[in-house]
Amino acid sequence: MDDWMLIAFDSTQQALRAEMLLEFAEIEIDLFPTPKEITAGCALCIQFPKEDLERVIQIIRNEFVEIRGLYFKTADSYDNIPM
């Protein structure tokens, strides 16, 4: 799990939409509760392997998925990744 990224959302609708789009693209994802360290309007986030970051960003942009942010888990927190 060390090389996993997170996507946080402001709405459940966008989280579920992103889940569908990423699964369709055959990207390995996991839907799970948003960590308390990340402030978001939605209780769900998606984690995915770091090596898929560019593909995930491309899908988010091309499909206009509204996200709160992309994060990388460090030893003691989550770092926001600029898009």
PDB file of N, CA and C in Angstrom:
ATOM      1  N   MET A   1       0.823  -1.199   0.000  1.00  0.00           N
ATOM      2  CA  MET A   1       0.000   0.000   0.000  1.00  0.00           C
ATOM      3  C   MET A   1       0.864   1.259   0.000  1.00  0.00           C
ATOM      4  N   ASP A   2       2.164   1.126   0.061  1.00  0.00           N
ATOM      5  CA  ASP A   2       3.042   2.287   0.105  1.00  0.00           C
ATOM      6  C   ASP A   2       2.999   3.106  -1.177  1.00  0.00           C
ATOM      7  N   ASP A   3       2.747   2.474  -2.300  1.00  0.00           N
ATOM      8  CA  ASP A   3       2.768   3.175  -3.576  1.00  0.00           C
ATOM      9  C   ASP A   3       1.364   3.416  -4.114  1.00  0.00           C
ATOM     10  N   TRP A   4       0.455   3.779  -3.236  1.00  0.00           N
ATOM     11  CA  TRP A   4      -0.921   4.048  -3.639  1.00  0.00           C
ATOM     12  C   TRP A   4      -1.235   5.524  -3.491  1.00  0.00           C
ATOM     13  N   MET A   5      -2.073   6.005  -4.394  1.00  0.00           N
ATOM     14  CA  MET A   5      -2.539   7.384  -4.389  1.00  0.00           C
ATOM     15  C   MET A   5      -4.014   7.382  -3.980  1.00  0.00           C
ATOM     16  N   LEU A   6      -4.500   8.544  -3.547  1.00  0.00           N
ATOM     17  CA  LEU A   6      -5.905   8.700  -3.175  1.00  0.00           C
ATOM     18  C   LEU A   6      -6.532   9.833  -3.973  1.00  0.00           C
ATOM     19  N   ILE A   7      -7.805   9.655  -4.299  1.00  0.00           N
ATOM     20  CA  ILE A   7      -8.603  10.743  -4.869  1.00  0.00           C
ATOM     21  C   ILE A   7      -9.708  11.022  -3.858  1.00  0.00           C
ATOM     22  N   ALA A   8      -9.821  12.269  -3.418  1.00  0.00           N
ATOM     23  CA  ALA A   8     -10.905  12.675  -2.521  1.00  0.00           C
ATOM     24  C   ALA A   8     -11.926  13.482  -3.327  1.00  0.00           C
ATOM     25  N   PHE A   9     -13.165  13.407  -2.898  1.00  0.00           N
ATOM     26  CA  PHE A   9     -14.276  14.022  -3.635  1.00  0.00           C
ATOM     27  C   PHE A   9     -15.106  14.913  -2.732  1.00  0.00           C
ATOM     28  N   ASP A  10     -15.876  15.806  -3.353  1.00  0.00           N
ATOM     29  CA  ASP A  10     -16.820  16.632  -2.610  1.00  0.00           C
ATOM     30  C   ASP A  10     -18.231  16.052  -2.649  1.00  0.00           C
ATOM     31  N   SER A  11     -18.460  15.056  -3.507  1.00  0.00           N
ATOM     32  CA  SER A  11     -19.796  14.447  -3.569  1.00  0.00           C
ATOM     33  C   SER A  11     -19.682  12.958  -3.849  1.00  0.00           C
ATOM     34  N   THR A  12     -20.617  12.224  -3.286  1.00  0.00           N
ATOM     35  CA  THR A  12     -20.676  10.774  -3.509  1.00  0.00           C
ATOM     36  C   THR A  12     -20.932  10.482  -4.977  1.00  0.00           C
ATOM     37  N   GLN A  13     -21.748  11.319  -5.621  1.00  0.00           N
ATOM     38  CA  GLN A  13     -22.047  11.124  -7.040  1.00  0.00           C
ATOM     39  C   GLN A  13     -20.766  11.128  -7.872  1.00  0.00           C
ATOM     40  N   GLN A  14     -19.862  12.072  -7.604  1.00  0.00           N
ATOM     41  CA  GLN A  14     -18.611  12.138  -8.361  1.00  0.00           C
ATOM     42  C   GLN A  14     -17.698  10.952  -8.026  1.00  0.00           C
ATOM     43  N   ALA A  15     -17.714  10.519  -6.772  1.00  0.00           N
ATOM     44  CA  ALA A  15     -16.903   9.356  -6.382  1.00  0.00           C
ATOM     45  C   ALA A  15     -17.366   8.107  -7.126  1.00  0.00           C
ATOM     46  N   LEU A  16     -18.661   7.903  -7.189  1.00  0.00           N
ATOM     47  CA  LEU A  16     -19.194   6.720  -7.872  1.00  0.00           C
ATOM     48  C   LEU A  16     -18.991   6.819  -9.382  1.00  0.00           C
ATOM     49  N   ARG A  17     -19.079   8.015  -9.917  1.00  0.00           N
ATOM     50  CA  ARG A  17     -18.824   8.219 -11.352  1.00  0.00           C
ATOM     51  C   ARG A  17     -17.363   7.906 -11.676  1.00  0.00           C
ATOM     52  N   ALA A  18     -16.451   8.396 -10.838  1.00  0.00           N
ATOM     53  CA  ALA A  18     -15.027   8.118 -11.043  1.00  0.00           C
ATOM     54  C   ALA A  18     -14.748   6.629 -10.910  1.00  0.00           C
ATOM     55  N   GLU A  19     -15.389   5.988  -9.945  1.00  0.00           N
ATOM     56  CA  GLU A  19     -15.219   4.544  -9.780  1.00  0.00           C
ATOM     57  C   GLU A  19     -15.587   3.810 -11.064  1.00  0.00           C
ATOM     58  N   MET A  20     -16.726   4.165 -11.650  1.00  0.00           N
ATOM     59  CA  MET A  20     -17.176   3.525 -12.882  1.00  0.00           C
ATOM     60  C   MET A  20     -16.189   3.774 -14.030  1.00  0.00           C
ATOM     61  N   LEU A  21     -15.732   5.012 -14.191  1.00  0.00           N
ATOM     62  CA  LEU A  21     -14.821   5.355 -15.282  1.00  0.00           C
ATOM     63  C   LEU A  21     -13.471   4.647 -15.139  1.00  0.00           C
ATOM     64  N   LEU A  22     -12.944   4.603 -13.927  1.00  0.00           N
ATOM     65  CA  LEU A  22     -11.638   3.977 -13.703  1.00  0.00           C
ATOM     66  C   LEU A  22     -11.723   2.455 -13.855  1.00  0.00           C
ATOM     67  N   GLU A  23     -12.817   1.864 -13.391  1.00  0.00           N
ATOM     68  CA  GLU A  23     -12.995   0.420 -13.594  1.00  0.00           C
ATOM     69  C   GLU A  23     -13.126   0.106 -15.076  1.00  0.00           C
ATOM     70  N   PHE A  24     -13.847   0.944 -15.806  1.00  0.00           N
ATOM     71  CA  PHE A  24     -13.995   0.744 -17.251  1.00  0.00           C
ATOM     72  C   PHE A  24     -12.636   0.796 -17.937  1.00  0.00           C
ATOM     73  N   ALA A  25     -11.729   1.643 -17.433  1.00  0.00           N
ATOM     74  CA  ALA A  25     -10.377   1.767 -17.990  1.00  0.00           C
ATOM     75  C   ALA A  25      -9.450   0.660 -17.474  1.00  0.00           C
ATOM     76  N   GLU A  26     -10.016  -0.246 -16.671  1.00  0.00           N
ATOM     77  CA  GLU A  26      -9.278  -1.389 -16.113  1.00  0.00           C
ATOM     78  C   GLU A  26      -8.106  -0.959 -15.238  1.00  0.00           C
ATOM     79  N   ILE A  27      -8.328   0.122 -14.467  1.00  0.00           N
ATOM     80  CA  ILE A  27      -7.356   0.566 -13.471  1.00  0.00           C
ATOM     81  C   ILE A  27      -7.758  -0.064 -12.141  1.00  0.00           C
ATOM     82  N   GLU A  28      -6.802  -0.653 -11.464  1.00  0.00           N
ATOM     83  CA  GLU A  28      -7.070  -1.282 -10.175  1.00  0.00           C
ATOM     84  C   GLU A  28      -7.375  -0.193  -9.146  1.00  0.00           C
ATOM     85  N   ILE A  29      -8.579  -0.245  -8.575  1.00  0.00           N
ATOM     86  CA  ILE A  29      -8.970   0.774  -7.597  1.00  0.00           C
ATOM     87  C   ILE A  29      -9.594   0.110  -6.380  1.00  0.00           C
ATOM     88  N   ASP A  30      -9.699   0.887  -5.321  1.00  0.00           N
ATOM     89  CA  ASP A  30     -10.374   0.452  -4.109  1.00  0.00           C
ATOM     90  C   ASP A  30     -11.137   1.651  -3.568  1.00  0.00           C
ATOM     91  N   LEU A  31     -12.431   1.481  -3.378  1.00  0.00           N
ATOM     92  CA  LEU A  31     -13.277   2.526  -2.806  1.00  0.00           C
ATOM     93  C   LEU A  31     -13.299   2.320  -1.300  1.00  0.00           C
ATOM     94  N   PHE A  32     -12.983   3.359  -0.523  1.00  0.00           N
ATOM     95  CA  PHE A  32     -12.968   3.195   0.929  1.00  0.00           C
ATOM     96  C   PHE A  32     -13.206   4.541   1.611  1.00  0.00           C
ATOM     97  N   PRO A  33     -13.426   4.534   2.935  1.00  0.00           N
ATOM     98  CA  PRO A  33     -13.717   5.796   3.643  1.00  0.00           C
ATOM     99  C   PRO A  33     -12.566   6.791   3.545  1.00  0.00           C
ATOM    100  N   THR A  34     -12.915   8.059   3.374  1.00  0.00           N
ATOM    101  CA  THR A  34     -11.904   9.113   3.301  1.00  0.00           C
ATOM    102  C   THR A  34     -11.191   9.236   4.647  1.00  0.00           C
ATOM    103  N   PRO A  35      -9.858   9.186   4.660  1.00  0.00           N
ATOM    104  CA  PRO A  35      -9.116   9.330   5.924  1.00  0.00           C
ATOM    105  C   PRO A  35      -9.415  10.667   6.598  1.00  0.00           C
ATOM    106  N   LYS A  36      -9.448  10.669   7.911  1.00  0.00           N
ATOM    107  CA  LYS A  36      -9.783  11.897   8.643  1.00  0.00           C
ATOM    108  C   LYS A  36      -8.770  13.012   8.413  1.00  0.00           C
ATOM    109  N   GLU A  37      -7.558  12.683   7.965  1.00  0.00           N
ATOM    110  CA  GLU A  37      -6.547  13.703   7.692  1.00  0.00           C
ATOM    111  C   GLU A  37      -6.867  14.528   6.450  1.00  0.00           C
ATOM    112  N   ILE A  38      -7.771  14.028   5.627  1.00  0.00           N
ATOM    113  CA  ILE A  38      -8.140  14.717   4.390  1.00  0.00           C
ATOM    114  C   ILE A  38      -9.524  15.316   4.563  1.00  0.00           C
ATOM    115  N   THR A  39      -9.634  16.640   4.406  1.00  0.00           N
ATOM    116  CA  THR A  39     -10.928  17.306   4.499  1.00  0.00           C
ATOM    117  C   THR A  39     -11.610  17.205   3.145  1.00  0.00           C
ATOM    118  N   ALA A  40     -12.782  16.597   3.143  1.00  0.00           N
ATOM    119  CA  ALA A  40     -13.521  16.454   1.890  1.00  0.00           C
ATOM    120  C   ALA A  40     -15.011  16.456   2.208  1.00  0.00           C
ATOM    121  N   GLY A  41     -15.816  16.772   1.208  1.00  0.00           N
ATOM    122  CA  GLY A  41     -17.253  16.805   1.401  1.00  0.00           C
ATOM    123  C   GLY A  41     -17.899  15.454   1.242  1.00  0.00           C
ATOM    124  N   CYS A  42     -17.126  14.446   0.923  1.00  0.00           N
ATOM    125  CA  CYS A  42     -17.655  13.106   0.670  1.00  0.00           C
ATOM    126  C   CYS A  42     -16.909  12.118   1.558  1.00  0.00           C
ATOM    127  N   ALA A  43     -17.632  11.140   2.069  1.00  0.00           N
ATOM    128  CA  ALA A  43     -17.035  10.147   2.965  1.00  0.00           C
ATOM    129  C   ALA A  43     -16.289   9.048   2.217  1.00  0.00           C
ATOM    130  N   LEU A  44     -16.356   9.073   0.881  1.00  0.00           N
ATOM    131  CA  LEU A  44     -15.699   8.035   0.081  1.00  0.00           C
ATOM    132  C   LEU A  44     -14.502   8.600  -0.661  1.00  0.00           C
ATOM    133  N   CYS A  45     -13.462   7.797  -0.771  1.00  0.00           N
ATOM    134  CA  CYS A  45     -12.341   8.151  -1.636  1.00  0.00           C
ATOM    135  C   CYS A  45     -11.941   6.901  -2.417  1.00  0.00           C
ATOM    136  N   ILE A  46     -11.108   7.099  -3.406  1.00  0.00           N
ATOM    137  CA  ILE A  46     -10.630   5.990  -4.242  1.00  0.00           C
ATOM    138  C   ILE A  46      -9.121   5.940  -4.122  1.00  0.00           C
ATOM    139  N   GLN A  47      -8.598   4.749  -3.909  1.00  0.00           N
ATOM    140  CA  GLN A  47      -7.143   4.595  -3.967  1.00  0.00           C
ATOM    141  C   GLN A  47      -6.800   3.800  -5.217  1.00  0.00           C
ATOM    142  N   PHE A  48      -5.615   4.085  -5.757  1.00  0.00           N
ATOM    143  CA  PHE A  48      -5.159   3.424  -6.968  1.00  0.00           C
ATOM    144  C   PHE A  48      -3.636   3.385  -6.960  1.00  0.00           C
ATOM    145  N   PRO A  49      -3.042   2.469  -7.732  1.00  0.00           N
ATOM    146  CA  PRO A  49      -1.578   2.367  -7.766  1.00  0.00           C
ATOM    147  C   PRO A  49      -0.935   3.618  -8.348  1.00  0.00           C
ATOM    148  N   LYS A  50       0.180   4.019  -7.768  1.00  0.00           N
ATOM    149  CA  LYS A  50       0.898   5.220  -8.201  1.00  0.00           C
ATOM    150  C   LYS A  50       1.265   5.166  -9.685  1.00  0.00           C
ATOM    151  N   GLU A  51       1.573   3.974 -10.192  1.00  0.00           N
ATOM    152  CA  GLU A  51       1.985   3.879 -11.602  1.00  0.00           C
ATOM    153  C   GLU A  51       0.860   4.240 -12.581  1.00  0.00           C
ATOM    154  N   ASP A  52      -0.393   4.307 -12.096  1.00  0.00           N
ATOM    155  CA  ASP A  52      -1.520   4.680 -12.951  1.00  0.00           C
ATOM    156  C   ASP A  52      -1.868   6.163 -12.852  1.00  0.00           C
ATOM    157  N   LEU A  53      -1.049   6.955 -12.162  1.00  0.00           N
ATOM    158  CA  LEU A  53      -1.372   8.362 -11.909  1.00  0.00           C
ATOM    159  C   LEU A  53      -1.670   9.134 -13.185  1.00  0.00           C
ATOM    160  N   GLU A  54      -0.828   9.024 -14.207  1.00  0.00           N
ATOM    161  CA  GLU A  54      -1.043   9.797 -15.440  1.00  0.00           C
ATOM    162  C   GLU A  54      -2.348   9.415 -16.121  1.00  0.00           C
ATOM    163  N   ARG A  55      -2.654   8.126 -16.159  1.00  0.00           N
ATOM    164  CA  ARG A  55      -3.920   7.671 -16.772  1.00  0.00           C
ATOM    165  C   ARG A  55      -5.112   8.183 -15.977  1.00  0.00           C
ATOM    166  N   VAL A  56      -5.012   8.153 -14.645  1.00  0.00           N
ATOM    167  CA  VAL A  56      -6.105   8.628 -13.796  1.00  0.00           C
ATOM    168  C   VAL A  56      -6.332  10.124 -14.019  1.00  0.00           C
ATOM    169  N   ILE A  57      -5.268  10.911 -14.040  1.00  0.00           N
ATOM    170  CA  ILE A  57      -5.399  12.355 -14.284  1.00  0.00           C
ATOM    171  C   ILE A  57      -6.040  12.607 -15.644  1.00  0.00           C
ATOM    172  N   GLN A  58      -5.627  11.853 -16.648  1.00  0.00           N
ATOM    173  CA  GLN A  58      -6.192  12.017 -17.995  1.00  0.00           C
ATOM    174  C   GLN A  58      -7.700  11.738 -17.987  1.00  0.00           C
ATOM    175  N   ILE A  59      -8.119  10.677 -17.319  1.00  0.00           N
ATOM    176  CA  ILE A  59      -9.555  10.343 -17.248  1.00  0.00           C
ATOM    177  C   ILE A  59     -10.317  11.429 -16.495  1.00  0.00           C
ATOM    178  N   ILE A  60      -9.778  11.883 -15.359  1.00  0.00           N
ATOM    179  CA  ILE A  60     -10.438  12.938 -14.579  1.00  0.00           C
ATOM    180  C   ILE A  60     -10.625  14.190 -15.428  1.00  0.00           C
ATOM    181  N   ARG A  61      -9.602  14.578 -16.151  1.00  0.00           N
ATOM    182  CA  ARG A  61      -9.686  15.785 -16.992  1.00  0.00           C
ATOM    183  C   ARG A  61     -10.634  15.588 -18.176  1.00  0.00           C
ATOM    184  N   ASN A  62     -10.462  14.483 -18.905  1.00  0.00           N
ATOM    185  CA  ASN A  62     -11.267  14.247 -20.108  1.00  0.00           C
ATOM    186  C   ASN A  62     -12.751  14.088 -19.809  1.00  0.00           C
ATOM    187  N   GLU A  63     -13.065  13.504 -18.653  1.00  0.00           N
ATOM    188  CA  GLU A  63     -14.464  13.250 -18.298  1.00  0.00           C
ATOM    189  C   GLU A  63     -15.031  14.300 -17.339  1.00  0.00           C
ATOM    190  N   PHE A  64     -14.241  15.335 -17.040  1.00  0.00           N
ATOM    191  CA  PHE A  64     -14.677  16.432 -16.172  1.00  0.00           C
ATOM    192  C   PHE A  64     -15.192  15.939 -14.817  1.00  0.00           C
ATOM    193  N   VAL A  65     -14.453  15.003 -14.220  1.00  0.00           N
ATOM    194  CA  VAL A  65     -14.815  14.513 -12.888  1.00  0.00           C
ATOM    195  C   VAL A  65     -14.384  15.573 -11.874  1.00  0.00           C
ATOM    196  N   GLU A  66     -15.304  15.947 -11.001  1.00  0.00           N
ATOM    197  CA  GLU A  66     -15.015  16.954  -9.982  1.00  0.00           C
ATOM    198  C   GLU A  66     -14.404  16.269  -8.767  1.00  0.00           C
ATOM    199  N   ILE A  67     -13.175  16.633  -8.437  1.00  0.00           N
ATOM    200  CA  ILE A  67     -12.499  16.026  -7.293  1.00  0.00           C
ATOM    201  C   ILE A  67     -12.076  17.104  -6.295  1.00  0.00           C
ATOM    202  N   ARG A  68     -11.867  16.696  -5.051  1.00  0.00           N
ATOM    203  CA  ARG A  68     -11.319  17.607  -4.032  1.00  0.00           C
ATOM    204  C   ARG A  68      -9.811  17.682  -4.187  1.00  0.00           C
ATOM    205  N   GLY A  69      -9.185  16.523  -4.490  1.00  0.00           N
ATOM    206  CA  GLY A  69      -7.751  16.520  -4.679  1.00  0.00           C
ATOM    207  C   GLY A  69      -7.190  15.117  -4.831  1.00  0.00           C
ATOM    208  N   LEU A  70      -5.942  15.082  -5.282  1.00  0.00           N
ATOM    209  CA  LEU A  70      -5.166  13.846  -5.376  1.00  0.00           C
ATOM    210  C   LEU A  70      -4.139  13.865  -4.253  1.00  0.00           C
ATOM    211  N   TYR A  71      -3.941  12.714  -3.616  1.00  0.00           N
ATOM    212  CA  TYR A  71      -3.044  12.653  -2.461  1.00  0.00           C
ATOM    213  C   TYR A  71      -2.148  11.435  -2.537  1.00  0.00           C
ATOM    214  N   PHE A  72      -0.955  11.597  -1.972  1.00  0.00           N
ATOM    215  CA  PHE A  72      -0.003  10.498  -1.834  1.00  0.00           C
ATOM    216  C   PHE A  72       0.216  10.276  -0.345  1.00  0.00           C
ATOM    217  N   LYS A  73       0.098   9.025   0.090  1.00  0.00           N
ATOM    218  CA  LYS A  73       0.258   8.722   1.507  1.00  0.00           C
ATOM    219  C   LYS A  73       1.738   8.693   1.875  1.00  0.00           C
ATOM    220  N   THR A  74       2.105   9.517   2.870  1.00  0.00           N
ATOM    221  CA  THR A  74       3.461   9.501   3.404  1.00  0.00           C
ATOM    222  C   THR A  74       3.418   8.767   4.739  1.00  0.00           C
ATOM    223  N   ALA A  75       4.520   8.728   5.429  1.00  0.00           N
ATOM    224  CA  ALA A  75       4.588   7.993   6.700  1.00  0.00           C
ATOM    225  C   ALA A  75       3.583   8.512   7.727  1.00  0.00           C
ATOM    226  N   ASP A  76       3.377   9.831   7.754  1.00  0.00           N
ATOM    227  CA  ASP A  76       2.518  10.370   8.811  1.00  0.00           C
ATOM    228  C   ASP A  76       1.396  11.290   8.333  1.00  0.00           C
ATOM    229  N   SER A  77       1.208  11.408   7.017  1.00  0.00           N
ATOM    230  CA  SER A  77       0.144  12.280   6.532  1.00  0.00           C
ATOM    231  C   SER A  77      -0.175  11.956   5.064  1.00  0.00           C
ATOM    232  N   TYR A  78      -0.931  12.853   4.443  1.00  0.00           N
ATOM    233  CA  TYR A  78      -1.246  12.743   3.023  1.00  0.00           C
ATOM    234  C   TYR A  78      -0.814  14.028   2.344  1.00  0.00           C
ATOM    235  N   ASP A  79       0.014  13.914   1.302  1.00  0.00           N
ATOM    236  CA  ASP A  79       0.477  15.095   0.566  1.00  0.00           C
ATOM    237  C   ASP A  79      -0.397  15.317  -0.654  1.00  0.00           C
ATOM    238  N   ASN A  80      -0.867  16.553  -0.838  1.00  0.00           N
ATOM    239  CA  ASN A  80      -1.672  16.903  -1.999  1.00  0.00           C
ATOM    240  C   ASN A  80      -0.774  16.949  -3.235  1.00  0.00           C
ATOM    241  N   ILE A  81      -1.219  16.317  -4.310  1.00  0.00           N
ATOM    242  CA  ILE A  81      -0.475  16.278  -5.573  1.00  0.00           C
ATOM    243  C   ILE A  81      -1.146  17.268  -6.524  1.00  0.00           C
ATOM    244  N   PRO A  82      -0.433  18.302  -6.985  1.00  0.00           N
ATOM    245  CA  PRO A  82      -1.050  19.249  -7.915  1.00  0.00           C
ATOM    246  C   PRO A  82      -1.341  18.592  -9.260  1.00  0.00           C
ATOM    247  N   MET A  83      -2.462  18.975  -9.849  1.00  0.00           N
ATOM    248  CA  MET A  83      -2.819  18.461 -11.169  1.00  0.00           C
ATOM    249  C   MET A  83      -2.434  19.499 -12.175  1.00  0.00           C
TER     250      MET A  83
END
